[in-house]
Amino acid sequence: MKPYALFLLLLFFGRCLPAQDTTDLWKRARLNPNLGQHKYLELKFHSGSHLYNGEELKIALDDGYRSVELRMGWQSSGNKTWQRVFNYPSYGLGFYTGDIGNPTILGNPSGIYGFFFVPFHRRKINDFELGLSLGLTYDLNPYDSSKNPLNDAIGSKVDVYFNLSASGVLKVSDAIDFLYGADITHFSNGRTHTPNLGLNMAGLHVGIRYHYNIIRGIVIQQIDPTYKAPRRPTFVKQPVPPPRLYNEVSATAAFGVVQTPSDEHLQAFYGTASLIFDYNRRISHMSSIGGGLDGFYDGSLGWTYHKLYTNVSTTDKMLMGYHAGYTLHVKDFEMKAQLGSYAWKRNNEKGNYFMRIALRYNIGRYGFIQVALKTMDGGAADWIEWGGGGKMRW
């Protein structure tokens, strides 16, 4: 029985059962070292420099960036197999606000996101962890040919927020950790608006983390004033069972919206579509490898090809490709990294190869939804793929 379910039963039956029975239930419940939910609040400060390869914003970005993050996290205890596989990770929600340069040109961005921290070197006093954060940042001041012509990096008020970090976690007390480390932050809109050079920021961070267990105050008031709920979980040390290996085929349909480059001076939006067929082999608790075929449609190629060839057909806007990829499995989520090339295209407008970074959420046994960023000829964003599909395993 889950700790919260047991606790609610205690409160409910406490009014119906004799005092001795209630006391016995509570004595058994408090023997669970992971009773309640182990959470933390985290305050983190960032500072660093921009990795900018454009021209117009160099002066506006000279002073680097500074930002503050507030996070609420859940610390896992290892009662699920996937938690032990990832060395007792934590995850949660965060809020970001920062000064990324001249606010007249760039705005005053804030953001919300989800995060996932994986410890990779646990020690009694000092741990080390890798962190991934993904969400949205807003209140940017986008490019405008007349009002804000210098901003050649951001074309929309809302962008994707991405952060990758490596941190040390120094245990100061039972309640407090001191954090230190380095991270990279990226803002981009995936060519839904142009320009979309994006902003890349690299720097250092420090912070504090406060651990707590919300069940403590409730128990003290309602049941046992002497109870002291542990702020941190006792990690379950059960061995990880062998992984269930399988083959999987999936089909994904996705759609998106893009603009032509800003120097074309067009305000029109064009539709995109992707059809993806994948085969993957599960090789461990964490990983799958595989490959597949891709079909693409980019409506913005009609404008590009019209300037080059005058006559443009629907098939001219289509491309065929193939890819190899790796999948990281985290409970019901999958993170995919794929590298591919083109088997058919009209010309070299899209380059010779593409990459895809995708986040998939599995719905039941046969379905999923997925969002991905497709790039062209390296790391330049091509479009965001919003979609879903079906799968079969054996």
Protein backbone atom coordinates (compact mmCIF):
# COMPACT_ATOMS: atom_id res chain seq x y z
CA MET A 1 0.00 0.00 0.00
CA LYS A 2 1.31 3.44 -0.88
CA PRO A 3 2.26 5.62 2.12
CA TYR A 4 -0.33 8.30 1.36
CA ALA A 5 -3.09 5.74 0.93
CA LEU A 6 -2.24 4.23 4.31
CA PHE A 7 -2.15 7.64 5.93
CA LEU A 8 -5.57 8.58 4.56
CA LEU A 9 -6.96 5.32 5.85
CA LEU A 10 -5.57 6.14 9.27
CA LEU A 11 -7.36 9.48 9.28
CA PHE A 12 -10.62 7.93 8.07
CA PHE A 13 -10.72 4.95 10.40
CA GLY A 14 -9.35 6.94 13.31
CA ARG A 15 -12.89 8.21 13.94
CA CYS A 16 -14.40 4.74 13.73
CA LEU A 17 -11.93 2.37 15.37
CA PRO A 18 -11.04 2.07 19.03
CA ALA A 19 -8.00 4.08 20.09
CA GLN A 20 -5.87 0.95 20.54
CA ASP A 21 -6.51 -0.21 16.92
CA THR A 22 -5.66 3.23 15.55
CA THR A 23 -2.46 3.29 17.58
CA ASP A 24 -1.41 -0.11 16.24
CA LEU A 25 -2.03 1.00 12.65
CA TRP A 26 0.08 4.09 13.15
CA LYS A 27 2.90 2.11 14.80
CA ARG A 28 3.07 -0.13 11.76
CA ALA A 29 2.87 2.80 9.35
CA ARG A 30 5.69 4.78 10.94
CA LEU A 31 8.06 1.84 10.49
CA ASN A 32 8.11 2.74 6.78
CA PRO A 33 11.22 4.97 6.35
CA ASN A 34 9.73 6.43 3.16
CA LEU A 35 6.34 7.41 4.52
CA GLY A 36 5.04 10.57 2.83
CA GLN A 37 6.67 12.29 -0.14
CA HIS A 38 10.24 13.49 -0.16
CA LYS A 39 10.45 16.83 -1.93
CA TYR A 40 12.80 19.77 -2.20
CA LEU A 41 12.82 23.43 -3.11
CA GLU A 42 15.81 24.70 -5.07
CA LEU A 43 17.08 28.21 -5.71
CA LYS A 44 19.82 28.53 -8.31
CA PHE A 45 21.79 31.48 -9.74
CA HIS A 46 23.40 31.40 -13.21
CA SER A 47 25.97 33.59 -14.91
CA GLY A 48 27.93 33.20 -18.13
CA SER A 49 28.51 34.22 -21.73
CA HIS A 50 26.68 33.90 -25.04
CA LEU A 51 27.86 31.50 -27.76
CA TYR A 52 26.75 33.74 -30.60
CA ASN A 53 27.93 33.47 -34.22
CA GLY A 54 25.87 36.30 -35.73
CA GLU A 55 26.79 39.93 -36.26
CA GLU A 56 23.97 42.29 -35.26
CA LEU A 57 23.72 41.38 -31.56
CA LYS A 58 27.39 41.31 -30.53
CA ILE A 59 27.25 44.60 -28.61
CA ALA A 60 23.90 43.75 -27.00
CA LEU A 61 25.32 40.45 -25.72
CA ASP A 62 28.74 41.72 -24.54
CA ASP A 63 27.81 41.65 -20.85
CA GLY A 64 26.77 38.00 -20.89
CA TYR A 65 23.70 36.76 -19.03
CA ARG A 66 22.44 36.32 -15.48
CA SER A 67 19.43 34.30 -14.40
CA VAL A 68 17.59 32.85 -11.41
CA GLU A 69 15.69 29.57 -11.19
CA LEU A 70 13.24 28.27 -8.60
CA ARG A 71 12.45 24.56 -8.68
CA MET A 72 10.25 22.11 -6.82
CA GLY A 73 11.40 18.52 -7.08
CA TRP A 74 10.36 15.02 -6.08
CA GLN A 75 13.15 12.74 -4.88
CA SER A 76 12.60 9.09 -5.80
CA SER A 77 13.37 6.31 -3.31
CA GLY A 78 13.89 3.37 -5.67
CA ASN A 79 10.60 1.58 -5.00
CA LYS A 80 10.18 1.32 -8.80
CA THR A 81 12.66 -0.54 -11.00
CA TRP A 82 13.20 2.43 -13.34
CA GLN A 83 14.21 4.59 -10.35
CA ARG A 84 16.96 2.15 -9.36
CA VAL A 85 18.08 1.91 -12.99
CA PHE A 86 18.67 5.69 -13.02
CA ASN A 87 20.38 5.70 -9.60
CA TYR A 88 17.44 7.30 -7.71
CA PRO A 89 16.74 10.37 -9.86
CA SER A 90 14.70 13.46 -8.99
CA TYR A 91 12.28 15.37 -11.20
CA GLY A 92 9.88 18.28 -11.02
CA LEU A 93 8.88 21.72 -12.25
CA GLY A 94 10.83 24.97 -12.44
CA PHE A 95 10.52 28.68 -13.10
CA TYR A 96 13.19 30.76 -14.83
CA THR A 97 13.77 34.50 -15.16
CA GLY A 98 16.85 36.26 -16.43
CA ASP A 99 18.75 39.15 -17.93
CA ILE A 100 20.17 37.89 -21.23
CA GLY A 101 21.40 41.21 -22.62
CA ASN A 102 20.02 44.56 -23.72
CA PRO A 103 16.30 44.28 -22.75
CA THR A 104 15.24 46.83 -25.36
CA ILE A 105 16.43 44.45 -28.06
CA LEU A 106 16.04 41.04 -26.40
CA GLY A 107 13.24 41.52 -23.85
CA ASN A 108 13.00 40.27 -20.27
CA PRO A 109 12.48 36.51 -20.62
CA SER A 110 10.95 34.18 -18.06
CA GLY A 111 10.04 30.55 -18.48
CA ILE A 112 8.46 27.40 -17.06
CA TYR A 113 9.76 23.88 -17.60
CA GLY A 114 10.03 20.32 -16.38
CA PHE A 115 13.34 18.83 -15.29
CA PHE A 116 14.98 15.44 -14.67
CA PHE A 117 18.18 14.98 -12.63
CA VAL A 118 20.21 11.75 -12.79
CA PRO A 119 22.99 11.18 -10.20
CA PHE A 120 26.06 9.61 -11.80
CA HIS A 121 28.54 9.62 -8.89
CA ARG A 122 26.99 9.20 -5.45
CA ARG A 123 29.05 9.72 -2.30
CA LYS A 124 28.18 10.13 1.38
CA ILE A 125 28.67 13.91 1.42
CA ASN A 126 29.05 15.04 -2.21
CA ASP A 127 27.06 13.72 -5.17
CA PHE A 128 27.28 14.61 -8.84
CA GLU A 129 24.30 14.69 -11.21
CA LEU A 130 23.34 15.46 -14.79
CA GLY A 131 20.23 17.53 -15.38
CA LEU A 132 17.93 18.09 -18.36
CA SER A 133 15.27 20.83 -18.40
CA LEU A 134 12.74 21.43 -21.17
CA GLY A 135 9.92 23.96 -21.39
CA LEU A 136 8.94 27.37 -22.75
CA THR A 137 10.40 30.84 -22.30
CA TYR A 138 8.31 33.96 -22.94
CA ASP A 139 8.43 37.80 -22.82
CA LEU A 140 11.11 37.94 -25.49
CA ASN A 141 11.32 40.95 -27.80
CA PRO A 142 11.35 39.41 -31.30
CA TYR A 143 12.80 40.68 -34.54
CA ASP A 144 10.86 43.38 -36.36
CA SER A 145 12.18 44.86 -39.59
CA SER A 146 11.27 48.39 -38.49
CA LYS A 147 11.01 48.35 -34.67
CA ASN A 148 13.68 45.79 -33.71
CA PRO A 149 15.91 45.11 -36.74
CA LEU A 150 19.03 44.17 -34.72
CA ASN A 151 17.56 41.02 -33.18
CA ASP A 152 18.68 38.44 -35.73
CA ALA A 153 18.49 35.61 -33.17
CA ILE A 154 14.86 35.56 -31.98
CA GLY A 155 11.79 35.75 -34.21
CA SER A 156 9.00 35.09 -31.69
CA LYS A 157 7.87 36.16 -28.23
CA VAL A 158 7.73 32.54 -27.03
CA ASP A 159 10.58 30.07 -27.54
CA VAL A 160 11.54 26.59 -26.45
CA TYR A 161 13.69 26.58 -23.30
CA PHE A 162 16.39 23.88 -23.07
CA ASN A 163 19.02 23.48 -20.35
CA LEU A 164 21.67 20.81 -19.85
CA SER A 165 23.63 20.89 -16.59
CA ALA A 166 26.30 19.05 -14.61
CA SER A 167 26.20 19.79 -10.88
CA GLY A 168 27.86 18.90 -7.62
CA VAL A 169 25.51 18.45 -4.65
CA LEU A 170 27.24 19.01 -1.29
CA LYS A 171 25.24 17.89 1.75
CA VAL A 172 25.48 20.66 4.36
CA SER A 173 22.84 19.29 6.77
CA ASP A 174 19.88 16.94 6.81
CA ALA A 175 17.79 19.70 5.24
CA ILE A 176 20.22 21.73 3.10
CA ASP A 177 22.42 21.00 0.06
CA PHE A 178 24.82 23.41 -1.62
CA LEU A 179 24.84 23.22 -5.43
CA TYR A 180 27.58 24.16 -7.89
CA GLY A 181 28.33 23.35 -11.51
CA ALA A 182 28.14 24.34 -15.17
CA ASP A 183 25.33 24.39 -17.72
CA ILE A 184 24.28 25.27 -21.26
CA THR A 185 20.97 27.01 -22.07
CA HIS A 186 19.32 27.28 -25.49
CA PHE A 187 16.37 29.36 -26.75
CA SER A 188 14.83 28.50 -30.13
CA ASN A 189 11.43 28.37 -31.87
CA GLY A 190 12.23 25.73 -34.50
CA ARG A 191 11.69 28.09 -37.49
CA THR A 192 8.02 28.66 -36.64
CA HIS A 193 9.08 32.31 -36.91
CA THR A 194 12.18 33.81 -38.48
CA PRO A 195 14.89 34.77 -37.87
CA ASN A 196 15.68 31.75 -35.74
CA LEU A 197 19.41 31.85 -35.15
CA GLY A 198 18.59 31.20 -31.48
CA LEU A 199 20.53 32.01 -28.34
CA ASN A 200 23.06 29.70 -26.72
CA MET A 201 24.39 30.53 -23.26
CA ALA A 202 27.11 28.70 -21.33
CA GLY A 203 28.15 29.43 -17.77
CA LEU A 204 28.35 28.46 -14.11
CA HIS A 205 25.72 28.15 -11.40
CA VAL A 206 25.47 27.97 -7.61
CA GLY A 207 22.43 27.36 -5.43
CA ILE A 208 20.81 25.78 -2.40
CA ARG A 209 18.37 22.89 -2.09
CA TYR A 210 15.99 22.52 0.87
CA HIS A 211 14.59 19.04 1.57
CA TYR A 212 11.25 18.47 3.28
CA ASN A 213 8.47 15.92 3.77
CA ILE A 214 4.97 17.40 3.74
CA ILE A 215 3.50 14.53 5.78
CA ARG A 216 5.39 15.65 8.88
CA GLY A 217 3.21 18.62 9.78
CA ILE A 218 -0.02 16.73 9.10
CA VAL A 219 0.97 13.79 11.32
CA ILE A 220 2.14 16.02 14.17
CA GLN A 221 -1.18 17.88 14.19
CA GLN A 222 -3.50 14.91 13.64
CA ILE A 223 -1.89 11.76 15.06
CA ASP A 224 1.51 11.86 16.74
CA PRO A 225 3.19 15.09 17.98
CA THR A 226 6.45 13.19 18.56
CA TYR A 227 6.80 11.97 14.96
CA LYS A 228 9.73 13.23 12.90
CA ALA A 229 9.34 12.38 9.24
CA PRO A 230 12.68 11.86 7.46
CA ARG A 231 13.42 14.66 5.02
CA ARG A 232 15.33 12.35 2.67
CA PRO A 233 14.32 8.88 1.52
CA THR A 234 16.00 5.64 2.47
CA PHE A 235 17.03 4.22 -0.88
CA VAL A 236 15.62 0.81 -1.73
CA LYS A 237 18.60 -1.45 -2.47
CA GLN A 238 16.79 -4.32 -4.17
CA PRO A 239 18.64 -5.66 -7.23
CA VAL A 240 17.44 -4.57 -10.65
CA PRO A 241 15.73 -7.49 -12.44
CA PRO A 242 16.80 -8.43 -15.97
CA PRO A 243 15.31 -6.17 -18.65
CA ARG A 244 12.46 -7.31 -20.87
CA LEU A 245 13.93 -7.22 -24.37
CA TYR A 246 11.68 -6.83 -27.39
CA ASN A 247 11.38 -5.60 -30.98
CA GLU A 248 9.14 -2.64 -31.83
CA VAL A 249 7.84 -1.08 -35.01
CA SER A 250 6.09 2.28 -35.00
CA ALA A 251 4.54 4.77 -37.39
CA THR A 252 4.48 8.50 -36.62
CA ALA A 253 2.59 11.28 -38.39
CA ALA A 254 3.57 14.85 -37.52
CA PHE A 255 2.82 18.38 -38.69
CA GLY A 256 4.36 21.82 -38.25
CA VAL A 257 4.49 25.44 -39.37
CA VAL A 258 7.47 27.42 -40.70
CA GLN A 259 8.39 30.76 -42.22
CA THR A 260 10.88 31.60 -44.95
CA PRO A 261 14.11 33.41 -43.93
CA SER A 262 13.51 36.95 -42.65
CA ASP A 263 15.48 38.48 -45.52
CA GLU A 264 12.70 37.28 -47.84
CA HIS A 265 10.40 39.84 -46.12
CA LEU A 266 7.43 37.47 -46.17
CA GLN A 267 4.93 37.16 -43.33
CA ALA A 268 3.36 33.99 -44.69
CA PHE A 269 3.36 30.67 -42.80
CA TYR A 270 3.83 27.33 -44.57
CA GLY A 271 2.80 23.86 -43.47
CA THR A 272 5.16 20.93 -42.99
CA ALA A 273 4.52 17.22 -42.55
CA SER A 274 6.55 14.17 -41.58
CA LEU A 275 5.76 10.48 -41.88
CA ILE A 276 8.20 8.25 -39.98
CA PHE A 277 8.47 4.46 -39.91
CA ASP A 278 10.74 3.07 -37.19
CA TYR A 279 12.15 -0.25 -36.08
CA ASN A 280 13.82 -0.44 -32.65
CA ARG A 281 15.35 -3.21 -30.56
CA ARG A 282 15.25 -2.84 -26.75
CA ILE A 283 18.75 -3.73 -25.52
CA SER A 284 18.62 -2.74 -21.82
CA HIS A 285 16.45 -1.10 -19.18
CA MET A 286 17.58 2.29 -20.47
CA SER A 287 18.18 1.89 -24.16
CA SER A 288 16.94 0.92 -27.59
CA ILE A 289 18.68 1.22 -30.95
CA GLY A 290 17.25 1.11 -34.44
CA GLY A 291 16.51 2.92 -37.65
CA GLY A 292 13.82 3.81 -40.11
CA LEU A 293 12.45 5.65 -43.12
CA ASP A 294 11.23 9.26 -43.39
CA GLY A 295 8.94 11.12 -45.72
CA PHE A 296 8.91 14.94 -45.54
CA TYR A 297 6.85 17.79 -46.98
CA ASP A 298 7.94 21.44 -46.60
CA GLY A 299 5.52 23.98 -48.08
CA SER A 300 8.10 26.78 -47.85
CA LEU A 301 10.16 25.07 -50.57
CA GLY A 302 7.51 26.22 -53.03
CA TRP A 303 8.66 29.84 -52.65
CA THR A 304 12.34 28.86 -52.79
CA TYR A 305 11.97 26.71 -55.89
CA HIS A 306 9.72 29.24 -57.61
CA LYS A 307 12.62 31.71 -57.60
CA LEU A 308 14.98 29.07 -58.96
CA TYR A 309 12.87 27.14 -61.43
CA THR A 310 9.59 29.08 -61.92
CA ASN A 311 7.56 25.88 -62.20
CA VAL A 312 6.99 24.01 -58.92
CA SER A 313 4.99 20.83 -58.36
CA THR A 314 3.79 19.28 -55.11
CA THR A 315 6.39 16.52 -55.33
CA ASP A 316 9.14 19.15 -55.51
CA LYS A 317 8.31 20.05 -51.92
CA MET A 318 8.76 16.43 -50.78
CA LEU A 319 11.86 14.61 -49.58
CA MET A 320 12.58 10.97 -48.74
CA GLY A 321 15.10 9.95 -46.12
CA TYR A 322 16.40 7.26 -43.78
CA HIS A 323 17.91 7.39 -40.30
CA ALA A 324 19.60 5.49 -37.47
CA GLY A 325 18.80 6.31 -33.87
CA TYR A 326 19.09 5.78 -30.15
CA THR A 327 16.24 5.84 -27.60
CA LEU A 328 16.51 6.52 -23.86
CA HIS A 329 13.60 5.07 -21.84
CA VAL A 330 12.41 6.81 -18.64
CA LYS A 331 9.23 5.16 -17.35
CA ASP A 332 6.48 6.19 -19.85
CA PHE A 333 8.72 8.69 -21.65
CA GLU A 334 11.25 8.17 -24.43
CA MET A 335 13.96 10.54 -25.63
CA LYS A 336 15.11 9.88 -29.19
CA ALA A 337 18.23 11.06 -31.01
CA GLN A 338 18.38 10.26 -34.72
CA LEU A 339 20.82 11.00 -37.54
CA GLY A 340 19.69 10.62 -41.13
CA SER A 341 20.30 11.43 -44.76
CA TYR A 342 18.16 11.91 -47.87
CA ALA A 343 17.44 9.24 -50.47
CA TRP A 344 15.54 11.64 -52.75
CA LYS A 345 15.21 15.46 -53.03
CA ARG A 346 15.03 17.99 -55.84
CA ASN A 347 18.24 19.86 -54.96
CA ASN A 348 20.60 20.50 -52.05
CA GLU A 349 18.45 23.17 -50.36
CA LYS A 350 18.13 21.02 -47.22
CA GLY A 351 21.74 19.88 -47.15
CA ASN A 352 22.94 16.29 -47.10
CA TYR A 353 21.82 15.09 -43.69
CA PHE A 354 19.42 15.86 -40.83
CA MET A 355 19.08 15.19 -37.11
CA ARG A 356 16.00 14.70 -34.96
CA ILE A 357 15.65 15.13 -31.19
CA ALA A 358 12.28 13.83 -30.00
CA LEU A 359 10.33 13.44 -26.77
CA ARG A 360 7.66 10.73 -26.79
CA TYR A 361 5.00 9.89 -24.21
CA ASN A 362 3.53 6.41 -24.46
CA ILE A 363 -0.24 6.05 -24.06
CA GLY A 364 -1.07 2.50 -23.16
CA ARG A 365 0.44 -0.37 -25.08
CA TYR A 366 -0.13 0.77 -28.65
CA GLY A 367 -0.20 4.59 -28.85
CA PHE A 368 1.96 7.63 -28.21
CA ILE A 369 2.24 11.37 -28.74
CA GLN A 370 5.52 12.97 -29.77
CA VAL A 371 7.16 16.35 -30.28
CA ALA A 372 10.47 16.61 -32.11
CA LEU A 373 12.89 19.08 -33.61
CA LYS A 374 14.15 18.23 -37.08
CA THR A 375 17.33 19.97 -38.21
CA MET A 376 18.96 20.43 -41.60
CA ASP A 377 22.61 19.91 -42.54
CA GLY A 378 23.74 19.98 -38.92
CA GLY A 379 22.22 21.81 -35.98
CA ALA A 380 20.17 24.47 -37.81
CA ALA A 381 16.47 24.09 -36.97
CA ASP A 382 14.27 23.02 -39.86
CA TRP A 383 10.89 22.63 -38.14
CA ILE A 384 9.12 21.30 -35.06
CA GLU A 385 7.18 18.08 -35.58
CA TRP A 386 3.97 17.81 -33.54
CA GLY A 387 2.35 14.42 -33.82
CA GLY A 388 1.76 10.90 -32.61
CA GLY A 389 1.19 7.40 -33.82
CA GLY A 390 0.96 3.72 -33.09
CA LYS A 391 3.36 0.87 -32.31
CA MET A 392 3.55 -2.91 -32.03
CA ARG A 393 5.94 -5.03 -29.97
CA TRP A 394 7.01 -8.63 -29.99
